[in-house]
């Protein structure tokens, strides 16, 4: 799966139109050129899902989602987000940047079949 497909599959639908996939994919290719930025985009989508779930659970107004193309075009991953989502976003960023697991190969057993 490529990075755009990951975004497309994870975009919250909630019964709303997501817009044209081809235009969104073209805009993604123009705007998101590094893996680091892709990770930020995905974390922002996750944060948006968390915030929207919170709004739904408290019977609060939930604004309509923009089409994916517009969200990418306008670089909406840079939008301010509520504090509860910021904390969750930081936790995810910490986990993504933690590579300490890679140093623990002591108990790694490699087998070859054939």
Protein backbone atom coordinates (compact mmCIF):
# COMPACT_ATOMS: atom_id res chain seq x y z
CA UNK A 1 0.00 0.00 0.00
CA UNK A 2 1.38 3.41 -0.90
CA UNK A 3 1.18 6.46 1.35
CA UNK A 4 -1.77 8.06 -0.42
CA UNK A 5 -3.75 4.82 -0.21
CA UNK A 6 -3.07 4.74 3.52
CA UNK A 7 -4.49 8.24 3.83
CA UNK A 8 -7.51 7.39 1.66
CA UNK A 9 -8.34 4.26 3.64
CA UNK A 10 -8.04 6.07 6.98
CA UNK A 11 -10.00 9.18 6.05
CA UNK A 12 -13.11 9.42 8.27
CA UNK A 13 -16.20 8.90 6.16
CA UNK A 14 -19.14 9.25 8.55
CA UNK A 15 -21.56 8.93 5.65
CA UNK A 16 -20.16 12.02 3.93
CA UNK A 17 -18.69 12.36 0.45
CA UNK A 18 -14.90 12.38 0.39
CA UNK A 19 -14.52 13.99 -3.02
CA UNK A 20 -12.69 12.81 -6.11
CA UNK A 21 -9.88 10.39 -5.39
CA UNK A 22 -7.86 11.27 -8.51
CA UNK A 23 -7.71 14.99 -7.64
CA UNK A 24 -6.82 14.18 -4.04
CA UNK A 25 -4.03 11.84 -5.14
CA UNK A 26 -2.57 14.47 -7.49
CA UNK A 27 -2.67 17.12 -4.74
CA UNK A 28 -1.11 14.69 -2.26
CA UNK A 29 1.80 14.12 -4.68
CA UNK A 30 2.34 17.90 -4.92
CA UNK A 31 2.09 18.66 -1.19
CA UNK A 32 3.38 15.62 0.71
CA UNK A 33 6.90 14.83 -0.42
CA UNK A 34 8.55 13.27 2.63
CA UNK A 35 7.78 10.37 4.91
CA UNK A 36 8.01 12.71 7.88
CA UNK A 37 5.26 14.90 6.44
CA UNK A 38 3.20 11.83 5.57
CA UNK A 39 3.46 10.71 9.21
CA UNK A 40 2.31 14.16 10.34
CA UNK A 41 -0.63 13.96 7.93
CA UNK A 42 -1.62 10.53 9.25
CA UNK A 43 -1.32 11.66 12.87
CA UNK A 44 -3.48 14.67 12.08
CA UNK A 45 -6.12 12.43 10.53
CA UNK A 46 -6.03 10.24 13.62
CA UNK A 47 -6.34 13.37 15.79
CA UNK A 48 -9.30 14.53 13.74
CA UNK A 49 -10.96 11.14 14.29
CA UNK A 50 -10.35 11.35 18.05
CA UNK A 51 -11.76 14.87 18.24
CA UNK A 52 -14.80 14.03 16.12
CA UNK A 53 -15.50 10.92 18.23
CA UNK A 54 -15.33 13.13 21.34
CA UNK A 55 -17.79 15.60 19.81
CA UNK A 56 -20.16 12.78 18.87
CA UNK A 57 -19.95 11.25 22.35
CA UNK A 58 -20.84 14.56 24.02
CA UNK A 59 -23.68 15.28 21.58
CA UNK A 60 -21.83 18.40 20.44
CA UNK A 61 -21.94 19.99 17.02
CA UNK A 62 -19.69 18.07 14.62
CA UNK A 63 -18.66 20.14 11.59
CA UNK A 64 -18.85 18.62 8.14
CA UNK A 65 -15.62 17.10 6.89
CA UNK A 66 -13.91 18.79 3.95
CA UNK A 67 -13.22 16.77 0.83
CA UNK A 68 -9.83 15.08 1.02
CA UNK A 69 -8.55 17.16 -1.92
CA UNK A 70 -9.39 20.43 -0.16
CA UNK A 71 -7.94 19.24 3.14
CA UNK A 72 -4.65 18.41 1.42
CA UNK A 73 -4.65 21.53 -0.79
CA UNK A 74 -5.16 23.78 2.23
CA UNK A 75 -2.58 21.87 4.33
CA UNK A 76 -5.16 21.36 7.04
CA UNK A 77 -2.80 19.09 9.00
CA UNK A 78 -1.33 22.41 10.16
CA UNK A 79 -4.63 23.54 11.74
CA UNK A 80 -4.80 24.08 15.48
CA UNK A 81 -6.29 21.16 17.31
CA UNK A 82 -7.81 20.83 20.78
CA UNK A 83 -5.53 20.13 23.75
CA UNK A 84 -6.79 16.57 24.28
CA UNK A 85 -5.78 15.72 20.71
CA UNK A 86 -2.41 17.47 21.08
CA UNK A 87 -1.53 15.17 23.98
CA UNK A 88 -2.55 12.09 21.98
CA UNK A 89 -0.62 13.37 18.95
CA UNK A 90 2.54 13.87 21.03
CA UNK A 91 2.19 10.36 22.43
CA UNK A 92 1.99 8.95 18.90
CA UNK A 93 4.97 11.04 17.73
CA UNK A 94 7.00 9.75 20.69
CA UNK A 95 6.13 6.18 19.80
CA UNK A 96 7.00 6.72 16.12
CA UNK A 97 10.40 8.19 16.97
CA UNK A 98 11.24 5.53 19.58
CA UNK A 99 13.64 3.08 17.95
CA UNK A 100 14.94 1.59 21.20
CA UNK A 101 13.20 -1.67 20.29
CA UNK A 102 15.72 -2.02 17.43
CA UNK A 103 18.59 -2.33 19.92
CA UNK A 104 17.09 -5.37 21.63
CA UNK A 105 18.16 -8.18 19.35
CA UNK A 106 19.55 -10.32 22.17
CA UNK A 107 16.63 -12.74 22.08
CA UNK A 108 16.16 -12.66 18.32
CA UNK A 109 16.27 -16.09 16.77
CA UNK A 110 16.78 -16.31 13.04
CA UNK A 111 15.87 -19.53 11.29
CA UNK A 112 16.26 -20.53 7.67
CA UNK A 113 13.82 -22.90 6.04
CA UNK A 114 15.36 -24.84 3.19
